[in-house]
Protein backbone atom coordinates (compact mmCIF):
# COMPACT_ATOMS: atom_id res chain seq x y z
CA MET A 1 0.11 0.08 -0.09
CA ARG A 2 1.28 3.41 -1.02
CA VAL A 3 0.81 5.71 1.92
CA MET A 4 2.96 8.54 1.23
CA ASN A 5 3.26 10.55 -1.85
CA ARG A 6 6.55 11.83 -3.09
CA LEU A 7 5.59 15.40 -2.60
CA THR A 8 2.53 15.84 -0.39
CA SER A 9 2.93 12.66 1.48
CA ARG A 10 -0.82 12.27 2.62
CA LEU A 11 -3.54 9.83 2.91
CA ILE A 12 -6.97 11.06 4.19
CA ILE A 13 -9.32 8.73 5.80
CA VAL A 14 -12.81 10.24 6.32
CA PHE A 15 -15.04 8.45 8.91
CA ARG A 16 -18.75 8.58 8.16
CA ASN A 17 -19.70 7.12 11.75
CA ALA A 18 -16.58 6.13 13.48
CA LEU A 19 -17.96 6.54 16.87
CA THR A 20 -20.75 4.02 16.61
CA GLN A 21 -19.56 1.44 14.28
CA THR A 22 -16.58 -0.96 14.06
CA PHE A 23 -15.09 -2.81 11.18
CA ASP A 24 -13.36 -6.13 11.13
CA LEU A 25 -10.05 -5.88 9.26
CA ASP A 26 -9.21 -9.42 8.83
CA GLY A 27 -8.81 -8.95 5.08
CA ASN A 28 -6.48 -7.19 2.71
CA SER A 29 -8.21 -4.30 1.02
CA PHE A 30 -10.47 -1.51 1.38
CA HIS A 31 -14.11 -1.47 -0.29
CA ASN A 32 -14.52 -1.04 -4.06
CA GLY A 33 -10.85 -1.36 -4.85
CA ILE A 34 -10.15 2.25 -3.78
CA ALA A 35 -7.11 1.25 -2.13
CA HIS A 36 -5.24 -2.09 -1.24
CA PHE A 37 -3.57 -2.97 2.08
CA LYS A 38 -0.69 -5.50 1.86
CA LYS A 39 -1.34 -8.57 4.07
CA PHE A 40 -0.49 -6.93 7.44
CA ALA A 41 -3.27 -7.98 9.27
CA HIS A 42 -3.47 -11.70 10.26
CA GLY A 43 -5.40 -14.01 7.81
CA SER A 44 -6.40 -13.37 4.23
CA ALA A 45 -9.89 -14.97 4.17
CA TYR A 46 -12.91 -12.99 4.92
CA THR A 47 -15.68 -14.14 7.31
CA GLU A 48 -19.11 -14.38 6.16
CA ASN A 49 -19.61 -11.44 8.58
CA THR A 50 -17.15 -9.39 7.13
CA LEU A 51 -18.25 -10.02 3.42
CA GLN A 52 -21.75 -8.80 4.34
CA ARG A 53 -20.16 -5.74 5.86
CA LEU A 54 -18.01 -5.24 2.83
CA LYS A 55 -21.00 -5.24 0.69
CA ARG A 56 -22.50 -2.56 2.81
CA GLY A 57 -19.12 -0.53 3.01
CA PRO A 58 -16.71 0.16 5.88
CA PRO A 59 -17.35 3.21 7.96
CA TRP A 60 -14.83 5.22 6.19
CA ASN A 61 -13.91 6.60 2.63
CA VAL A 62 -10.76 7.20 1.23
CA LEU A 63 -11.26 10.81 0.08
CA PHE A 64 -7.67 11.64 -0.91
CA PHE A 65 -5.04 9.12 -1.72
CA GLY A 66 -1.56 10.38 -2.78
CA THR A 67 -1.39 12.98 -5.76
CA ASP A 68 0.94 15.87 -6.00
CA ASN A 69 -1.79 18.52 -5.84
CA PHE A 70 -5.06 18.97 -3.50
CA ALA A 71 -8.00 19.30 -5.82
CA VAL A 72 -10.31 22.01 -4.93
CA ALA A 73 -13.30 19.56 -4.69
CA SER A 74 -11.48 17.52 -2.24
CA LEU A 75 -10.61 20.36 -0.21
CA LYS A 76 -14.29 21.55 -0.08
CA GLU A 77 -15.39 17.95 0.90
CA LEU A 78 -12.96 18.08 3.74
CA HIS A 79 -14.45 21.30 5.13
CA SER A 80 -17.99 20.15 4.55
CA GLU A 81 -20.44 19.55 7.54
CA THR A 82 -21.13 16.07 6.30
CA LEU A 83 -18.04 14.56 7.76
CA SER A 84 -19.10 14.71 11.22
CA GLY A 85 -17.59 11.24 11.93
CA GLY A 86 -13.96 12.70 11.87
CA ILE A 87 -11.02 12.58 9.54
CA LEU A 88 -7.57 10.96 9.85
CA ASN A 89 -4.48 11.98 8.07
CA VAL A 90 -1.27 9.83 7.73
CA HIS A 91 1.50 12.14 7.69
CA GLY A 92 5.35 11.24 7.01
CA SER A 93 6.99 12.84 9.87
CA LEU A 94 7.00 13.01 13.85
CA LEU A 95 4.57 15.87 14.33
CA PRO A 96 4.75 18.80 15.13
CA ARG A 97 8.18 18.49 13.42
CA TRP A 98 7.93 19.01 9.58
CA ARG A 99 4.29 20.30 9.21
CA GLY A 100 3.73 20.80 5.47
CA ALA A 101 3.70 19.25 2.16
CA ALA A 102 7.49 17.83 2.00
CA PRO A 103 8.21 16.42 5.40
CA ILE A 104 10.47 13.63 4.05
CA MET A 105 12.68 15.89 2.06
CA HIS A 106 12.84 18.54 4.90
CA ALA A 107 13.94 15.80 7.32
CA ILE A 108 16.69 14.57 5.04
CA MET A 109 18.01 18.09 3.83
CA ASN A 110 18.36 19.20 7.69
CA GLY A 111 20.22 16.03 8.61
CA ASP A 112 17.76 14.60 10.88
CA THR A 113 18.52 10.96 12.05
CA ILE A 114 15.19 10.04 13.21
CA THR A 115 11.80 10.55 11.35
CA GLY A 116 8.48 8.69 11.21
CA VAL A 117 4.71 8.57 10.60
CA THR A 118 2.06 10.41 12.69
CA ILE A 119 -1.66 9.54 12.34
CA MET A 120 -3.69 12.43 13.33
CA LYS A 121 -7.04 14.10 13.53
CA ILE A 122 -7.68 16.80 10.95
CA HIS A 123 -9.14 20.10 12.18
CA PRO A 124 -11.52 22.22 9.92
CA HIS A 125 -9.71 24.29 7.42
CA ARG A 126 -6.14 23.55 8.79
CA PHE A 127 -3.66 20.50 8.13
CA ASP A 128 -1.12 19.05 10.24
CA VAL A 129 -2.05 20.72 13.58
CA GLY A 130 -4.65 18.27 14.84
CA GLU A 131 -4.55 15.89 17.82
CA ILE A 132 -2.08 12.95 17.43
CA VAL A 133 -3.56 9.33 17.46
CA CYS A 134 -0.33 7.50 17.36
CA LYS A 135 3.28 7.93 16.25
CA THR A 136 5.96 5.56 14.89
CA GLU A 137 9.77 6.36 14.59
CA VAL A 138 11.68 5.52 11.36
CA PRO A 139 15.51 5.89 11.55
CA ILE A 140 17.28 7.77 8.74
CA SER A 141 20.62 6.21 7.70
CA TRP A 142 23.48 8.61 6.51
CA ASN A 143 22.93 7.70 2.98
CA SER A 144 19.02 7.38 2.78
CA LYS A 145 17.73 9.29 -0.21
CA SER A 146 14.07 10.84 -0.13
CA GLY A 147 12.71 8.02 -2.53
CA ASP A 148 13.93 5.00 -0.37
CA LEU A 149 12.89 6.48 2.82
CA THR A 150 9.33 7.41 1.41
CA ARG A 151 8.98 3.64 0.72
CA GLN A 152 10.19 2.75 4.19
CA ILE A 153 7.72 5.19 5.75
CA ALA A 154 4.77 4.09 3.74
CA GLU A 155 5.41 0.57 4.66
CA VAL A 156 5.32 1.77 8.53
CA GLY A 157 2.38 4.01 8.02
CA SER A 158 0.29 1.14 6.52
CA LYS A 159 0.77 -1.05 9.47
CA ALA A 160 0.00 1.74 11.99
CA LEU A 161 -3.22 2.69 9.95
CA VAL A 162 -4.39 -1.05 10.15
CA ASP A 163 -3.88 -0.86 13.73
CA VAL A 164 -5.89 2.25 14.14
CA LEU A 165 -8.71 0.92 12.12
CA LYS A 166 -8.98 -2.26 13.79
CA ASN A 167 -10.14 -0.08 16.84
CA LEU A 168 -12.35 2.62 15.47
CA GLU A 169 -14.32 3.26 18.45
CA ASN A 170 -11.43 4.33 20.53
CA THR A 171 -9.57 6.18 17.66
CA PHE A 172 -10.55 9.50 18.46
CA THR A 173 -10.80 9.29 22.16
CA MET A 174 -7.02 8.20 22.23
CA ALA A 175 -5.92 11.51 20.41
CA VAL A 176 -3.64 14.01 22.21
CA PRO A 177 -2.96 17.48 21.16
CA GLN A 178 0.41 18.50 19.64
CA PRO A 179 2.92 19.88 21.76
CA ASN A 180 3.71 23.70 21.14
CA THR A 181 7.31 23.31 21.05
CA GLY A 182 9.63 21.64 18.42
CA ILE A 183 7.30 23.00 15.35
CA THR A 184 9.23 23.24 12.10
CA LYS A 185 7.73 23.82 8.51
CA ALA A 186 8.01 21.80 5.52
CA PRO A 187 6.67 23.80 2.47
CA LYS A 188 6.45 22.15 -0.78
CA MET A 189 9.96 21.98 -2.58
CA THR A 190 10.59 23.48 -6.09
CA GLU A 191 13.52 23.01 -8.53
CA GLN A 192 15.09 26.30 -7.57
CA ARG A 193 15.91 24.75 -4.00
CA ALA A 194 18.23 22.37 -5.79
CA LYS A 195 20.65 25.11 -7.30
CA ILE A 196 23.96 24.90 -5.46
CA ASP A 197 25.55 28.07 -4.18
CA TRP A 198 29.04 26.70 -3.92
CA ALA A 199 30.38 29.82 -1.73
CA LYS A 200 27.92 28.89 0.91
CA VAL A 201 27.71 24.98 1.28
CA THR A 202 29.95 22.35 2.75
CA CYS A 203 30.38 18.79 1.56
CA TYR A 204 27.84 17.84 4.04
CA ASN A 205 25.19 20.46 2.95
CA VAL A 206 25.67 19.29 -0.54
CA GLN A 207 25.26 15.63 0.39
CA CYS A 208 21.90 16.29 2.26
CA LEU A 209 20.66 18.57 -0.52
CA TYR A 210 21.56 15.44 -2.78
CA ARG A 211 19.89 12.73 -0.67
CA ALA A 212 16.55 14.93 -0.04
CA LEU A 213 16.23 16.27 -3.64
CA ASP A 214 17.86 13.98 -6.33
CA ASP A 215 14.71 11.75 -6.70
CA ASN A 216 12.59 14.69 -7.47
CA PHE A 217 14.81 17.72 -8.42
CA PRO A 218 18.35 17.07 -9.39
CA LEU A 219 20.86 19.47 -8.12
CA TRP A 220 21.95 21.77 -10.75
CA THR A 221 24.39 24.43 -11.09
CA THR A 222 25.65 26.63 -14.24
CA TRP A 223 28.70 26.18 -16.42
CA HIS A 224 29.32 29.62 -18.51
CA GLY A 225 25.60 30.18 -18.97
CA ASN A 226 24.58 26.66 -19.26
CA THR A 227 22.38 24.82 -16.88
CA VAL A 228 24.20 21.58 -15.59
CA LYS A 229 22.34 18.99 -13.45
CA LEU A 230 24.73 16.94 -11.25
CA ARG A 231 23.79 13.21 -11.03
CA GLU A 232 25.10 10.08 -8.97
CA MET A 233 26.94 11.72 -6.33
CA VAL A 234 29.62 9.86 -4.55
CA MET A 235 28.34 9.71 -1.03
CA LYS A 236 30.50 9.45 1.68
CA GLN A 237 29.88 8.94 5.50
CA LYS A 238 32.68 10.97 6.61
CA TYR A 239 30.60 13.98 5.52
CA THR A 240 27.93 13.22 8.10
CA GLN A 241 30.72 12.34 10.88
CA GLU A 242 32.58 15.57 10.42
CA GLN A 243 29.93 17.95 9.61
CA LYS A 244 29.96 19.62 13.06
CA TYR A 245 33.36 20.93 12.13
CA HIS A 246 32.65 22.11 8.46
CA THR A 247 30.96 25.55 9.27
CA CYS A 248 31.62 28.46 7.09
CA VAL A 249 35.48 29.10 6.97
CA HIS A 250 34.98 32.86 6.38
CA ASN A 251 34.16 35.57 8.71
CA ASP A 252 30.62 37.36 8.51
CA SER A 253 31.72 40.36 6.45
CA GLN A 254 33.31 37.83 3.81
CA CYS A 255 30.20 35.64 3.66
CA SER A 256 27.85 38.56 3.24
CA ASN A 257 29.52 39.52 0.01
CA GLU A 258 27.86 37.27 -2.60
CA ASN A 259 29.58 38.74 -5.46
CA GLU A 260 33.05 37.80 -4.14
CA HIS A 261 34.80 34.36 -4.98
CA PHE A 262 35.73 33.06 -1.68
CA LYS A 263 38.88 31.15 -1.19
CA THR A 264 39.60 28.17 0.87
CA ASN A 265 42.34 26.14 1.96
CA SER A 266 41.32 23.08 -0.15
CA LYS A 267 44.11 22.04 -2.60
CA TYR A 268 43.39 20.19 -5.67
CA PRO A 269 42.93 16.52 -4.78
CA LYS A 270 45.38 14.04 -6.05
CA GLY A 271 44.73 12.44 -9.43
CA SER A 272 43.50 15.75 -10.71
CA ASP A 273 44.52 16.65 -14.47
CA VAL A 274 45.57 20.09 -13.40
CA LYS A 275 48.49 21.42 -11.41
CA LEU A 276 48.18 21.80 -7.72
CA GLN A 277 47.51 25.27 -6.55
CA GLU A 278 47.82 26.76 -3.09
CA GLU A 279 44.29 27.96 -3.00
CA THR A 280 41.15 27.09 -4.89
CA ILE A 281 37.67 28.65 -5.02
CA PRO A 282 34.25 27.12 -4.36
CA GLY A 283 32.82 26.03 -7.45
CA ALA A 284 36.11 24.99 -9.15
CA VAL A 285 35.64 21.74 -11.14
CA ILE A 286 38.15 19.13 -12.25
CA TYR A 287 38.13 15.67 -13.73
CA CYS A 288 40.04 12.70 -11.95
CA LYS A 289 40.97 10.24 -14.52
CA ARG A 290 41.67 7.56 -11.90
CA THR A 291 38.25 7.54 -10.25
CA LYS A 292 36.35 8.98 -13.37
CA VAL A 293 34.43 11.54 -11.26
CA LEU A 294 33.96 15.37 -11.55
CA ARG A 295 35.18 17.18 -8.45
CA VAL A 296 33.71 20.20 -7.26
CA CYS A 297 34.93 22.51 -4.52
CA CYS A 298 32.84 23.56 -1.50
CA VAL A 299 33.89 25.84 1.42
CA ASP A 300 35.58 22.89 3.05
CA GLY A 301 36.44 20.28 0.56
CA TRP A 302 35.43 18.48 -2.64
CA VAL A 303 32.33 16.67 -3.47
CA GLU A 304 32.33 14.18 -6.51
CA PHE A 305 29.61 13.39 -9.28
CA ARG A 306 29.67 10.57 -11.85
CA LYS A 307 27.49 12.02 -14.41
CA VAL A 308 25.93 15.29 -15.39
CA HIS A 309 23.17 16.47 -17.56
CA VAL A 310 23.76 19.65 -19.66
CA LYS A 311 20.52 21.36 -20.70
CA GLY A 312 19.74 20.49 -24.37
CA ARG A 313 22.33 17.47 -24.29
CA LYS A 314 21.98 13.89 -23.52
CA PRO A 315 23.22 12.94 -19.92
CA MET A 316 26.98 12.17 -20.06
CA THR A 317 29.69 10.86 -17.95
CA ALA A 318 32.15 12.91 -15.94
CA HIS A 319 34.75 11.76 -18.65
CA ASP A 320 32.50 13.13 -21.66
CA PHE A 321 31.97 16.51 -19.90
CA TYR A 322 35.62 16.87 -19.38
CA ASN A 323 36.28 15.99 -23.19
CA GLY A 324 33.55 18.20 -24.33
CA PHE A 325 33.47 21.22 -22.12
CA ILE A 326 36.43 21.34 -19.42
CA SER A 327 39.11 20.60 -21.71
CA LYS A 328 38.10 23.35 -24.09
CA ARG A 329 38.49 26.08 -21.69
CA LYS A 330 41.60 27.55 -19.58
CA ALA A 331 42.14 26.22 -16.03
CA VAL A 332 41.11 29.59 -14.83
CA ASP A 333 37.42 29.00 -16.35
CA HIS A 334 37.00 25.58 -14.84
CA VAL A 335 34.36 27.02 -12.30
CA PHE A 336 30.74 25.99 -11.89
CA GLY A 337 28.52 29.41 -11.34
């Protein structure tokens, strides 16, 4: 069952009469083929009583099920007075952290090591602020990307939802208010968020952005006016382990000047096809023949990518980008914008 959508991460369950009727979930599906559960509940055969109740329909509707945008009609229905039984929302974070449309992306982008699923009540005209029915934690590994984590959270959310639906009579009475502390927002992501400003990011920052966005919005930069998407980053656990030491190496006055090319203490790494220089600047890009990667300088070191996609061209390897673009310019111009 796909509970969490890649961007909005929502599953809405609307109860017609949840406080007066229970439903025996000993099968593996909702009614009328609206959505299918995997066999998390024990047993796969319906009892005669359950079959009769399936024909009448369970006490809920799946009103909204994982698309990228809320339809106006769905929103109006959510706010109508006919839904007196109540509404549950399956949300892909541990509320109140990461309220909004893109909780999984924001959790990864900000370096969280724990996220999870919250099943909550929906308040009229507002999302992600209602009382919490249950929470389930999900660890985030150092190399988890948003696509994989979304699928993992979907599995956990499916099981949690089945458990909640088995006990509808107590579902709403079990809910507790969200705390007033620890609230963070997770607004919808856009392609612009994937643009790298090399003078302001560490290796750790770039890796977090890559893990959070690559499955939907590949990281991108510019090469002398051309948009270049950066693909297949070589992820390294040391970036996570060392991130607490990798803050901006410049003083505040330098960092406030966006037009200045900041220098770092990072020399060109071994294996590069250029001469070593005493200093390099963020955005400097080199090709390593030994490992067949592009290396790009951040404020504290180098990140590596195996492939790129120049706008208007087919995706290409790091070697092809070197032959077609880098090698045709002077070394001083080997810089991403």
